[in-house]
């Protein structure tokens, strides 16, 4: 018996449906795809500059660092939302797989939990 023959038809169907779901999520527009962009650290914070003699450069650097902090806040929020969405999608997929592996597959759906 080959490896493909030893895998039950329901397991192959579940794997196929999960692959289709993954492709659909990757191709879906909007909130299904969050692209979180890590902001770039300001150059002035990496150059080891001394600002004692250049008040204008110091002010510009201070503004850049404030902007960087705000962008890091946005980045963190995006990552948190993406992690939450990934956890929800994983739970939906596990629930769907569990349904597929049960005897009652007529009610299987990869939608959000109907109880929520």
C-alpha atoms as a PDB file:
ATOM      1  CA  UNK A   1       0.000   0.000   0.000  1.00  0.00           C
ATOM      2  CA  UNK A   2       1.427   3.381  -0.983  1.00  0.00           C
ATOM      3  CA  UNK A   3       1.452   6.403   1.287  1.00  0.00           C
ATOM      4  CA  UNK A   4      -1.257   8.069  -0.826  1.00  0.00           C
ATOM      5  CA  UNK A   5      -3.471   4.992  -0.464  1.00  0.00           C
ATOM      6  CA  UNK A   6      -2.994   4.867   3.312  1.00  0.00           C
ATOM      7  CA  UNK A   7      -4.382   8.406   3.713  1.00  0.00           C
ATOM      8  CA  UNK A   8      -8.156   8.333   3.922  1.00  0.00           C
ATOM      9  CA  UNK A   9     -10.273  10.234   1.415  1.00  0.00           C
ATOM     10  CA  UNK A  10     -11.492  12.625   4.121  1.00  0.00           C
ATOM     11  CA  UNK A  11      -7.945  13.568   5.060  1.00  0.00           C
ATOM     12  CA  UNK A  12      -7.126  14.306   1.421  1.00  0.00           C
ATOM     13  CA  UNK A  13     -10.334  16.333   1.080  1.00  0.00           C
ATOM     14  CA  UNK A  14      -9.508  18.274   4.246  1.00  0.00           C
ATOM     15  CA  UNK A  15      -5.996  19.003   2.988  1.00  0.00           C
ATOM     16  CA  UNK A  16      -7.365  20.162  -0.368  1.00  0.00           C
ATOM     17  CA  UNK A  17      -9.969  22.411   1.254  1.00  0.00           C
ATOM     18  CA  UNK A  18      -7.415  23.908   3.625  1.00  0.00           C
ATOM     19  CA  UNK A  19      -5.127  24.629   0.684  1.00  0.00           C
ATOM     20  CA  UNK A  20      -7.987  26.331  -1.158  1.00  0.00           C
ATOM     21  CA  UNK A  21      -8.767  28.356   1.966  1.00  0.00           C
ATOM     22  CA  UNK A  22      -5.136  29.454   2.267  1.00  0.00           C
ATOM     23  CA  UNK A  23      -5.067  30.558  -1.372  1.00  0.00           C
ATOM     24  CA  UNK A  24      -8.361  32.420  -0.946  1.00  0.00           C
ATOM     25  CA  UNK A  25      -7.103  34.255   2.141  1.00  0.00           C
ATOM     26  CA  UNK A  26      -3.882  35.252   0.402  1.00  0.00           C
ATOM     27  CA  UNK A  27      -5.786  36.482  -2.637  1.00  0.00           C
ATOM     28  CA  UNK A  28      -8.521  38.273  -0.671  1.00  0.00           C
ATOM     29  CA  UNK A  29      -8.490  42.055  -0.610  1.00  0.00           C
ATOM     30  CA  UNK A  30      -8.930  44.283   2.395  1.00  0.00           C
ATOM     31  CA  UNK A  31      -8.548  43.270   5.972  1.00  0.00           C
ATOM     32  CA  UNK A  32      -7.813  39.633   5.207  1.00  0.00           C
ATOM     33  CA  UNK A  33      -4.339  40.852   4.312  1.00  0.00           C
ATOM     34  CA  UNK A  34      -2.667  43.186   6.720  1.00  0.00           C
ATOM     35  CA  UNK A  35       0.667  44.470   5.574  1.00  0.00           C
ATOM     36  CA  UNK A  36       2.486  45.820   8.577  1.00  0.00           C
ATOM     37  CA  UNK A  37       5.492  47.895   7.610  1.00  0.00           C
ATOM     38  CA  UNK A  38       8.232  48.292  10.165  1.00  0.00           C
ATOM     39  CA  UNK A  39       9.331  51.927  10.175  1.00  0.00           C
ATOM     40  CA  UNK A  40      12.908  52.880   9.483  1.00  0.00           C
ATOM     41  CA  UNK A  41      14.978  54.128  12.382  1.00  0.00           C
ATOM     42  CA  UNK A  42      16.004  57.774  11.867  1.00  0.00           C
ATOM     43  CA  UNK A  43      19.509  58.144  10.516  1.00  0.00           C
ATOM     44  CA  UNK A  44      20.379  60.738  13.101  1.00  0.00           C
ATOM     45  CA  UNK A  45      19.951  58.121  15.832  1.00  0.00           C
ATOM     46  CA  UNK A  46      22.462  55.794  14.181  1.00  0.00           C
ATOM     47  CA  UNK A  47      25.189  58.196  13.167  1.00  0.00           C
ATOM     48  CA  UNK A  48      26.427  58.967  16.655  1.00  0.00           C
ATOM     49  CA  UNK A  49      26.152  62.661  15.941  1.00  0.00           C
ATOM     50  CA  UNK A  50      26.946  65.254  18.528  1.00  0.00           C
ATOM     51  CA  UNK A  51      24.232  67.915  18.554  1.00  0.00           C
ATOM     52  CA  UNK A  52      25.853  70.387  20.935  1.00  0.00           C
ATOM     53  CA  UNK A  53      26.870  72.769  18.138  1.00  0.00           C
ATOM     54  CA  UNK A  54      23.920  72.309  15.760  1.00  0.00           C
ATOM     55  CA  UNK A  55      20.551  73.185  17.284  1.00  0.00           C
ATOM     56  CA  UNK A  56      18.769  72.872  13.931  1.00  0.00           C
ATOM     57  CA  UNK A  57      20.050  69.305  13.386  1.00  0.00           C
ATOM     58  CA  UNK A  58      19.121  68.427  16.961  1.00  0.00           C
ATOM     59  CA  UNK A  59      15.582  69.773  16.467  1.00  0.00           C
ATOM     60  CA  UNK A  60      15.197  67.911  13.167  1.00  0.00           C
ATOM     61  CA  UNK A  61      16.438  64.685  14.786  1.00  0.00           C
ATOM     62  CA  UNK A  62      14.082  65.127  17.731  1.00  0.00           C
ATOM     63  CA  UNK A  63      11.173  65.529  15.279  1.00  0.00           C
ATOM     64  CA  UNK A  64      12.293  62.455  13.327  1.00  0.00           C
ATOM     65  CA  UNK A  65      12.456  60.381  16.513  1.00  0.00           C
ATOM     66  CA  UNK A  66       8.970  61.525  17.557  1.00  0.00           C
ATOM     67  CA  UNK A  67       7.658  60.511  14.135  1.00  0.00           C
ATOM     68  CA  UNK A  68       9.482  57.190  14.435  1.00  0.00           C
ATOM     69  CA  UNK A  69       7.851  56.504  17.806  1.00  0.00           C
ATOM     70  CA  UNK A  70       4.400  57.254  16.359  1.00  0.00           C
ATOM     71  CA  UNK A  71       5.110  54.950  13.401  1.00  0.00           C
ATOM     72  CA  UNK A  72       6.248  52.207  15.809  1.00  0.00           C
ATOM     73  CA  UNK A  73       2.934  52.556  17.658  1.00  0.00           C
ATOM     74  CA  UNK A  74       1.072  52.098  14.373  1.00  0.00           C
ATOM     75  CA  UNK A  75       3.284  49.129  13.478  1.00  0.00           C
ATOM     76  CA  UNK A  76       2.603  47.486  16.842  1.00  0.00           C
ATOM     77  CA  UNK A  77      -1.159  47.988  16.449  1.00  0.00           C
ATOM     78  CA  UNK A  78      -1.021  46.448  12.978  1.00  0.00           C
ATOM     79  CA  UNK A  79       0.946  43.423  14.233  1.00  0.00           C
ATOM     80  CA  UNK A  80      -1.470  42.914  17.106  1.00  0.00           C
ATOM     81  CA  UNK A  81      -4.444  43.010  14.735  1.00  0.00           C
ATOM     82  CA  UNK A  82      -2.721  40.641  12.293  1.00  0.00           C
ATOM     83  CA  UNK A  83      -1.935  38.200  15.125  1.00  0.00           C
ATOM     84  CA  UNK A  84      -5.550  38.300  16.309  1.00  0.00           C
ATOM     85  CA  UNK A  85      -6.816  37.654  12.777  1.00  0.00           C
ATOM     86  CA  UNK A  86      -4.371  34.766  12.379  1.00  0.00           C
ATOM     87  CA  UNK A  87      -5.527  33.207  15.655  1.00  0.00           C
ATOM     88  CA  UNK A  88      -9.173  33.514  14.586  1.00  0.00           C
ATOM     89  CA  UNK A  89      -8.461  32.013  11.150  1.00  0.00           C
ATOM     90  CA  UNK A  90      -6.525  29.148  12.743  1.00  0.00           C
ATOM     91  CA  UNK A  91      -9.398  28.376  15.116  1.00  0.00           C
ATOM     92  CA  UNK A  92     -11.894  28.481  12.224  1.00  0.00           C
ATOM     93  CA  UNK A  93      -9.671  26.097  10.232  1.00  0.00           C
ATOM     94  CA  UNK A  94      -9.320  23.733  13.220  1.00  0.00           C
ATOM     95  CA  UNK A  95     -13.086  23.749  13.744  1.00  0.00           C
ATOM     96  CA  UNK A  96     -13.591  23.037  10.040  1.00  0.00           C
ATOM     97  CA  UNK A  97     -11.035  20.225  10.055  1.00  0.00           C
ATOM     98  CA  UNK A  98     -12.659  18.713  13.137  1.00  0.00           C
ATOM     99  CA  UNK A  99     -16.004  18.791  11.366  1.00  0.00           C
ATOM    100  CA  UNK A 100     -14.528  17.158   8.274  1.00  0.00           C
ATOM    101  CA  UNK A 101     -13.060  14.418  10.431  1.00  0.00           C
ATOM    102  CA  UNK A 102     -16.415  13.767  12.119  1.00  0.00           C
ATOM    103  CA  UNK A 103     -19.305  11.729  10.798  1.00  0.00           C
ATOM    104  CA  UNK A 104     -21.572  14.754  10.262  1.00  0.00           C
ATOM    105  CA  UNK A 105     -19.829  16.544   7.399  1.00  0.00           C
ATOM    106  CA  UNK A 106     -23.011  17.982   5.922  1.00  0.00           C
ATOM    107  CA  UNK A 107     -22.770  21.067   8.123  1.00  0.00           C
ATOM    108  CA  UNK A 108     -19.070  21.806   7.694  1.00  0.00           C
ATOM    109  CA  UNK A 109     -18.149  25.357   6.848  1.00  0.00           C
ATOM    110  CA  UNK A 110     -15.027  27.451   7.125  1.00  0.00           C
ATOM    111  CA  UNK A 111     -17.019  30.452   8.267  1.00  0.00           C
ATOM    112  CA  UNK A 112     -16.637  32.052  11.675  1.00  0.00           C
ATOM    113  CA  UNK A 113     -18.025  30.085  14.582  1.00  0.00           C
ATOM    114  CA  UNK A 114     -21.832  30.293  14.305  1.00  0.00           C
ATOM    115  CA  UNK A 115     -22.013  30.541  18.090  1.00  0.00           C
ATOM    116  CA  UNK A 116     -20.255  33.927  18.096  1.00  0.00           C
END
